[in-house]
C-alpha atoms as a PDB file:
ATOM      1  CA  MET A   1      71.949 115.708  56.219  1.00  0.00           C
ATOM      2  CA  VAL A   2      68.526 114.985  57.745  1.00  0.00           C
ATOM      3  CA  THR A   3      67.997 111.256  58.241  1.00  0.00           C
ATOM      4  CA  ALA A   4      64.883 110.829  60.401  1.00  0.00           C
ATOM      5  CA  VAL A   5      61.700 112.515  61.586  1.00  0.00           C
ATOM      6  CA  ASN A   6      59.051 111.239  64.024  1.00  0.00           C
ATOM      7  CA  ASP A   7      55.370 111.985  64.608  1.00  0.00           C
ATOM      8  CA  ALA A   8      56.280 114.607  67.219  1.00  0.00           C
ATOM      9  CA  GLY A   9      58.068 116.613  64.552  1.00  0.00           C
ATOM     10  CA  GLN A  10      61.513 115.911  65.993  1.00  0.00           C
ATOM     11  CA  VAL A  11      64.245 115.751  63.359  1.00  0.00           C
ATOM     12  CA  ALA A  12      67.608 113.923  63.543  1.00  0.00           C
ATOM     13  CA  GLY A  13      70.587 114.160  61.285  1.00  0.00           C
ATOM     14  CA  TRP A  14      74.239 115.091  60.985  1.00  0.00           C
ATOM     15  CA  VAL A  15      76.416 117.843  59.523  1.00  0.00           C
ATOM     16  CA  THR A  16      79.958 117.705  58.193  1.00  0.00           C
ATOM     17  CA  THR A  17      82.319 119.690  60.395  1.00  0.00           C
ATOM     18  CA  GLY A  18      85.604 118.954  58.652  1.00  0.00           C
ATOM     19  CA  LEU A  19      87.533 116.327  56.718  1.00  0.00           C
ATOM     20  CA  SER A  20      86.159 112.936  57.928  1.00  0.00           C
ATOM     21  CA  GLN A  21      84.447 114.798  60.762  1.00  0.00           C
ATOM     22  CA  ALA A  22      80.711 114.974  61.451  1.00  0.00           C
ATOM     23  CA  SER A  23      78.428 116.053  64.263  1.00  0.00           C
ATOM     24  CA  SER A  24      74.931 114.639  64.865  1.00  0.00           C
ATOM     25  CA  PHE A  25      71.948 116.525  66.228  1.00  0.00           C
ATOM     26  CA  ILE A  26      68.293 116.348  67.179  1.00  0.00           C
ATOM     27  CA  TRP A  27      66.078 119.320  66.417  1.00  0.00           C
ATOM     28  CA  THR A  28      62.757 120.184  68.085  1.00  0.00           C
ATOM     29  CA  GLN A  29      60.461 123.177  67.656  1.00  0.00           C
ATOM     30  CA  THR A  30      60.849 124.147  71.295  1.00  0.00           C
ATOM     31  CA  GLY A  31      64.496 123.317  71.925  1.00  0.00           C
ATOM     32  CA  GLY A  32      66.071 123.985  68.573  1.00  0.00           C
ATOM     33  CA  MET A  33      69.163 121.994  67.543  1.00  0.00           C
ATOM     34  CA  VAL A  34      70.809 119.891  70.253  1.00  0.00           C
ATOM     35  CA  PRO A  35      74.143 118.093  69.558  1.00  0.00           C
ATOM     36  CA  LEU A  36      74.211 114.401  70.441  1.00  0.00           C
ATOM     37  CA  GLY A  37      77.895 114.154  71.329  1.00  0.00           C
ATOM     38  CA  THR A  38      80.262 111.337  70.337  1.00  0.00           C
ATOM     39  CA  LEU A  39      81.702 108.066  71.596  1.00  0.00           C
ATOM     40  CA  GLY A  40      85.093 109.751  71.910  1.00  0.00           C
ATOM     41  CA  GLY A  41      85.986 110.251  68.261  1.00  0.00           C
ATOM     42  CA  ASN A  42      85.413 113.127  65.866  1.00  0.00           C
ATOM     43  CA  ALA A  43      82.574 111.754  63.780  1.00  0.00           C
ATOM     44  CA  THR A  44      78.992 110.783  64.686  1.00  0.00           C
ATOM     45  CA  TYR A  45      76.279 109.921  62.181  1.00  0.00           C
ATOM     46  CA  ALA A  46      72.630 109.797  63.293  1.00  0.00           C
ATOM     47  CA  GLN A  47      70.594 107.362  61.212  1.00  0.00           C
ATOM     48  CA  GLY A  48      67.258 106.509  62.865  1.00  0.00           C
ATOM     49  CA  MET A  49      64.873 107.810  65.514  1.00  0.00           C
ATOM     50  CA  ASN A  50      61.749 106.482  67.226  1.00  0.00           C
ATOM     51  CA  GLY A  51      58.603 108.198  68.487  1.00  0.00           C
ATOM     52  CA  LEU A  52      60.210 108.804  71.894  1.00  0.00           C
ATOM     53  CA  GLY A  53      62.980 110.926  70.384  1.00  0.00           C
ATOM     54  CA  GLN A  54      65.631 108.254  70.927  1.00  0.00           C
ATOM     55  CA  VAL A  55      68.303 108.392  68.171  1.00  0.00           C
ATOM     56  CA  VAL A  56      70.628 105.693  66.889  1.00  0.00           C
ATOM     57  CA  GLY A  57      73.536 105.735  64.478  1.00  0.00           C
ATOM     58  CA  HIS A  58      77.256 105.127  64.479  1.00  0.00           C
ATOM     59  CA  SER A  59      80.207 107.006  65.874  1.00  0.00           C
ATOM     60  CA  LEU A  60      83.982 106.766  65.957  1.00  0.00           C
ATOM     61  CA  THR A  61      85.548 105.995  69.304  1.00  0.00           C
ATOM     62  CA  ALA A  62      88.682 107.642  70.611  1.00  0.00           C
ATOM     63  CA  GLY A  63      90.615 104.692  69.159  1.00  0.00           C
ATOM     64  CA  GLY A  64      89.121 105.172  65.707  1.00  0.00           C
ATOM     65  CA  GLU A  65      86.745 102.207  65.871  1.00  0.00           C
ATOM     66  CA  MET A  66      83.267 102.507  64.397  1.00  0.00           C
ATOM     67  CA  ARG A  67      80.575 101.576  66.945  1.00  0.00           C
ATOM     68  CA  PRO A  68      76.772 101.924  67.082  1.00  0.00           C
ATOM     69  CA  PHE A  69      75.312 104.439  69.512  1.00  0.00           C
ATOM     70  CA  ILE A  70      71.961 105.247  71.094  1.00  0.00           C
ATOM     71  CA  TRP A  71      71.109 108.731  72.362  1.00  0.00           C
ATOM     72  CA  LYS A  72      68.298 109.054  74.883  1.00  0.00           C
ATOM     73  CA  ASP A  73      67.516 111.270  77.874  1.00  0.00           C
ATOM     74  CA  GLY A  74      70.291 113.577  76.737  1.00  0.00           C
ATOM     75  CA  VAL A  75      73.039 110.939  76.963  1.00  0.00           C
ATOM     76  CA  ILE A  76      74.903 109.101  74.178  1.00  0.00           C
ATOM     77  CA  ARG A  77      76.307 105.628  74.768  1.00  0.00           C
ATOM     78  CA  GLU A  78      77.471 102.602  72.821  1.00  0.00           C
ATOM     79  CA  VAL A  79      74.925  99.945  71.865  1.00  0.00           C
ATOM     80  CA  ARG A  80      75.762  96.446  73.111  1.00  0.00           C
ATOM     81  CA  THR A  81      75.588  94.492  69.867  1.00  0.00           C
ATOM     82  CA  THR A  82      77.602  92.632  67.254  1.00  0.00           C
ATOM     83  CA  ALA A  83      76.631  95.224  64.668  1.00  0.00           C
ATOM     84  CA  GLN A  84      78.920  98.152  63.930  1.00  0.00           C
ATOM     85  CA  VAL A  85      76.262 100.524  62.578  1.00  0.00           C
ATOM     86  CA  ALA A  86      72.813 101.147  64.067  1.00  0.00           C
ATOM     87  CA  VAL A  87      70.251 101.966  61.385  1.00  0.00           C
ATOM     88  CA  ASP A  88      66.892 102.373  63.102  1.00  0.00           C
ATOM     89  CA  ILE A  89      65.074 101.985  66.452  1.00  0.00           C
ATOM     90  CA  ASN A  90      61.393 101.432  67.250  1.00  0.00           C
ATOM     91  CA  ASP A  91      59.368 102.535  70.250  1.00  0.00           C
ATOM     92  CA  SER A  92      59.934  99.197  72.026  1.00  0.00           C
ATOM     93  CA  GLY A  93      63.703  99.774  71.967  1.00  0.00           C
ATOM     94  CA  TRP A  94      64.519  97.203  69.278  1.00  0.00           C
ATOM     95  CA  ILE A  95      67.464  98.341  67.173  1.00  0.00           C
ATOM     96  CA  VAL A  96      68.361  97.101  63.700  1.00  0.00           C
ATOM     97  CA  GLY A  97      71.982  97.390  62.641  1.00  0.00           C
ATOM     98  CA  ARG A  98      74.613  95.892  60.409  1.00  0.00           C
ATOM     99  CA  THR A  99      78.298  95.128  60.231  1.00  0.00           C
ATOM    100  CA  ILE A 100      80.635  96.621  57.661  1.00  0.00           C
ATOM    101  CA  SER A 101      80.840  93.199  56.032  1.00  0.00           C
ATOM    102  CA  GLY A 102      77.084  93.112  55.460  1.00  0.00           C
ATOM    103  CA  HIS A 103      75.557  91.096  58.345  1.00  0.00           C
ATOM    104  CA  THR A 104      72.321  92.480  59.781  1.00  0.00           C
ATOM    105  CA  PHE A 105      71.303  92.151  63.421  1.00  0.00           C
ATOM    106  CA  LEU A 106      68.144  92.938  65.390  1.00  0.00           C
ATOM    107  CA  THR A 107      68.714  93.532  69.090  1.00  0.00           C
ATOM    108  CA  ASN A 108      67.203  94.981  72.256  1.00  0.00           C
ATOM    109  CA  GLU A 109      70.644  94.670  73.906  1.00  0.00           C
ATOM    110  CA  GLN A 110      69.474  91.565  75.769  1.00  0.00           C
ATOM    111  CA  VAL A 111      68.454  89.385  72.846  1.00  0.00           C
ATOM    112  CA  GLU A 112      70.125  89.503  69.433  1.00  0.00           C
ATOM    113  CA  MET A 113      69.278  87.740  66.158  1.00  0.00           C
ATOM    114  CA  GLU A 114      70.901  87.804  62.737  1.00  0.00           C
ATOM    115  CA  LEU A 115      68.659  88.632  59.783  1.00  0.00           C
ATOM    116  CA  ASP A 116      69.107  87.398  56.216  1.00  0.00           C
ATOM    117  CA  MET A 117      69.486  90.943  54.884  1.00  0.00           C
ATOM    118  CA  ASP A 118      72.533  92.803  53.653  1.00  0.00           C
ATOM    119  CA  THR A 119      71.345  96.395  53.936  1.00  0.00           C
ATOM    120  CA  PRO A 120      68.552  97.174  56.420  1.00  0.00           C
ATOM    121  CA  ARG A 121      66.747 100.483  55.980  1.00  0.00           C
ATOM    122  CA  LYS A 122      63.847 101.024  58.359  1.00  0.00           C
ATOM    123  CA  MET A 123      61.803  99.239  61.043  1.00  0.00           C
ATOM    124  CA  ASN A 124      58.312  99.816  62.412  1.00  0.00           C
ATOM    125  CA  ASN A 125      56.925  99.259  65.910  1.00  0.00           C
ATOM    126  CA  ALA A 126      55.790  95.754  64.963  1.00  0.00           C
ATOM    127  CA  GLY A 127      59.456  94.800  64.473  1.00  0.00           C
ATOM    128  CA  GLN A 128      59.094  94.505  60.707  1.00  0.00           C
ATOM    129  CA  VAL A 129      62.318  95.461  58.877  1.00  0.00           C
ATOM    130  CA  VAL A 130      62.747  96.416  55.244  1.00  0.00           C
ATOM    131  CA  GLY A 131      65.957  96.515  53.256  1.00  0.00           C
ATOM    132  CA  GLN A 132      67.676  94.597  50.527  1.00  0.00           C
ATOM    133  CA  SER A 133      70.160  91.969  49.531  1.00  0.00           C
ATOM    134  CA  ASP A 134      73.103  93.500  47.696  1.00  0.00           C
ATOM    135  CA  SER A 135      74.220  90.880  45.157  1.00  0.00           C
ATOM    136  CA  PRO A 136      71.943  90.806  43.329  1.00  0.00           C
ATOM    137  CA  GLU A 137      69.828  93.711  44.558  1.00  0.00           C
ATOM    138  CA  ARG A 138      66.521  92.384  45.860  1.00  0.00           C
ATOM    139  CA  ALA A 139      64.045  94.188  48.108  1.00  0.00           C
ATOM    140  CA  GLN A 140      63.397  92.342  51.362  1.00  0.00           C
ATOM    141  CA  LEU A 141      60.984  92.271  54.301  1.00  0.00           C
ATOM    142  CA  PHE A 142      61.596  90.686  57.685  1.00  0.00           C
ATOM    143  CA  ARG A 143      58.486  89.834  59.685  1.00  0.00           C
ATOM    144  CA  ASN A 144      57.517  87.193  62.207  1.00  0.00           C
ATOM    145  CA  GLY A 145      61.012  85.694  62.158  1.00  0.00           C
ATOM    146  CA  VAL A 146      61.177  85.192  58.381  1.00  0.00           C
ATOM    147  CA  THR A 147      62.877  87.254  55.674  1.00  0.00           C
ATOM    148  CA  TYR A 148      61.023  87.481  52.343  1.00  0.00           C
ATOM    149  CA  LEU A 149      61.959  88.746  48.902  1.00  0.00           C
ATOM    150  CA  LEU A 150      59.223  91.280  48.159  1.00  0.00           C
ATOM    151  CA  THR A 151      59.033  90.149  44.530  1.00  0.00           C
ATOM    152  CA  ASP A 152      58.138  86.646  45.766  1.00  0.00           C
ATOM    153  CA  LEU A 153      55.080  88.093  47.526  1.00  0.00           C
ATOM    154  CA  LEU A 154      53.696  89.370  44.241  1.00  0.00           C
ATOM    155  CA  ALA A 155      51.030  87.489  42.331  1.00  0.00           C
ATOM    156  CA  PRO A 156      52.622  85.294  39.624  1.00  0.00           C
ATOM    157  CA  GLY A 157      53.016  86.608  36.114  1.00  0.00           C
ATOM    158  CA  ASN A 158      53.036  90.340  36.855  1.00  0.00           C
ATOM    159  CA  GLY A 159      56.589  90.832  35.540  1.00  0.00           C
ATOM    160  CA  LEU A 160      57.668  93.195  38.323  1.00  0.00           C
ATOM    161  CA  ASN A 161      61.110  93.093  39.922  1.00  0.00           C
ATOM    162  CA  LEU A 162      61.524  94.886  43.260  1.00  0.00           C
ATOM    163  CA  THR A 163      65.124  95.745  44.020  1.00  0.00           C
ATOM    164  CA  ASN A 164      65.154  98.169  46.966  1.00  0.00           C
ATOM    165  CA  ALA A 165      62.900  98.744  50.002  1.00  0.00           C
ATOM    166  CA  TYR A 166      63.336 102.076  51.712  1.00  0.00           C
ATOM    167  CA  ASP A 167      60.716 102.540  54.393  1.00  0.00           C
ATOM    168  CA  ILE A 168      57.834 100.866  56.244  1.00  0.00           C
ATOM    169  CA  ASN A 169      55.134 102.540  58.313  1.00  0.00           C
ATOM    170  CA  GLU A 170      52.970 101.380  61.210  1.00  0.00           C
ATOM    171  CA  SER A 171      50.295 100.143  58.778  1.00  0.00           C
ATOM    172  CA  GLY A 172      52.824  97.854  57.117  1.00  0.00           C
ATOM    173  CA  GLN A 173      52.962  99.915  53.918  1.00  0.00           C
ATOM    174  CA  ILE A 174      56.344  99.606  52.205  1.00  0.00           C
ATOM    175  CA  LEU A 175      57.996 102.148  49.939  1.00  0.00           C
ATOM    176  CA  CYS A 176      60.164 100.341  47.425  1.00  0.00           C
ATOM    177  CA  ARG A 177      61.873 100.667  44.091  1.00  0.00           C
ATOM    178  CA  GLY A 178      62.098  98.316  41.148  1.00  0.00           C
ATOM    179  CA  PHE A 179      61.193  97.678  37.513  1.00  0.00           C
ATOM    180  CA  ASN A 180      57.838  97.177  35.871  1.00  0.00           C
ATOM    181  CA  ALA A 181      57.058  94.452  33.298  1.00  0.00           C
ATOM    182  CA  GLN A 182      58.604  96.607  30.559  1.00  0.00           C
ATOM    183  CA  GLY A 183      61.860  96.991  32.508  1.00  0.00           C
ATOM    184  CA  VAL A 184      61.244 100.660  33.334  1.00  0.00           C
ATOM    185  CA  PRO A 185      62.322 101.785  36.846  1.00  0.00           C
ATOM    186  CA  ARG A 186      59.425 102.786  39.062  1.00  0.00           C
ATOM    187  CA  THR A 187      58.648 103.595  42.704  1.00  0.00           C
ATOM    188  CA  PHE A 188      56.030 101.381  44.344  1.00  0.00           C
ATOM    189  CA  LEU A 189      53.938 101.519  47.501  1.00  0.00           C
ATOM    190  CA  MET A 190      53.004  98.123  48.885  1.00  0.00           C
ATOM    191  CA  THR A 191      49.860  98.076  51.043  1.00  0.00           C
ATOM    192  CA  PRO A 192      48.801  95.059  53.120  1.00  0.00           C
ATOM    193  CA  VAL A 193      45.080  94.264  53.353  1.00  0.00           C
ATOM    194  CA  PRO A 194      43.319  91.702  55.596  1.00  0.00           C
ATOM    195  CA  GLU A 195      43.151  88.082  54.553  1.00  0.00           C
ATOM    196  CA  PRO A 196      41.641  86.411  52.602  1.00  0.00           C
ATOM    197  CA  ALA A 197      42.126  89.332  50.282  1.00  0.00           C
ATOM    198  CA  THR A 198      45.433  89.977  48.545  1.00  0.00           C
ATOM    199  CA  LEU A 199      48.106  92.547  49.201  1.00  0.00           C
ATOM    200  CA  SER A 200      48.106  95.483  46.811  1.00  0.00           C
ATOM    201  CA  LEU A 201      51.061  97.167  45.224  1.00  0.00           C
ATOM    202  CA  LEU A 202      50.541 100.741  44.027  1.00  0.00           C
ATOM    203  CA  ALA A 203      53.048 101.917  41.458  1.00  0.00           C
ATOM    204  CA  LEU A 204      53.435 105.399  40.075  1.00  0.00           C
ATOM    205  CA  GLY A 205      51.446 104.838  36.932  1.00  0.00           C
ATOM    206  CA  GLY A 206      50.202 101.311  37.627  1.00  0.00           C
ATOM    207  CA  LEU A 207      48.538  98.879  40.004  1.00  0.00           C
ATOM    208  CA  ALA A 208      49.538  95.282  40.701  1.00  0.00           C
ATOM    209  CA  MET A 209      48.317  92.680  43.180  1.00  0.00           C
ATOM    210  CA  MET A 210      50.306  90.706  45.684  1.00  0.00           C
ATOM    211  CA  ARG A 211      49.495  87.563  47.624  1.00  0.00           C
ATOM    212  CA  ARG A 212      50.018  87.005  51.332  1.00  0.00           C
ATOM    213  CA  ARG A 213      52.015  84.010  52.446  1.00  0.00           C
ATOM    214  CA  ARG A 214      50.658  81.918  55.268  1.00  0.00           C
ATOM    215  CA  HIS A 215      52.963  80.582  57.953  1.00  0.00           C
ATOM    216  CA  ARG A 216      52.729  76.909  58.701  1.00  0.00           C
ATOM    217  CA  LYS A 217      52.891  76.117  62.357  1.00  0.00           C
END
């Protein structure tokens, strides 16, 4: 399974090697497929990668414990964090991860903060994280220390309900999933624009507008 690709064309992922066994890799055009190794167990799952080719994910230890890992400079090691699964990493070395019980953490291994998000998906270099709450499913965005429901950022009266956020790029565009005013599932692309204009939301087959929230200092 391929799970990440960066601007350099490096690809990260994992393959099943047996029952409850998996091996992770990074692939480059010049070096081919390189195994990442493990934390001592027989299963390693790569999940995210930054522009520097550093890969994060989770791996079983020799004792059967699930722990987050980071692979860089050809070496795999455990991430020092409360989280059990590392989901993504940006170029500044910030890692977003979660526990099995659904608590999300953002860490650079020196500073750690808990986010109000059950399932984080991706993070950009600005430290913005997208994901979702699980019960009920609601698409979320973490930025500038605050977690928002993406539906709440929409202009009132549009009738849209955004349930899942899957990816965010360096321009702040968010790929998400939800329902239009008629209750039909759709994929949406949210695009931020400078204030005082609004934010726009491009749906497959429709266009809606979103408002930007101001932070009070």
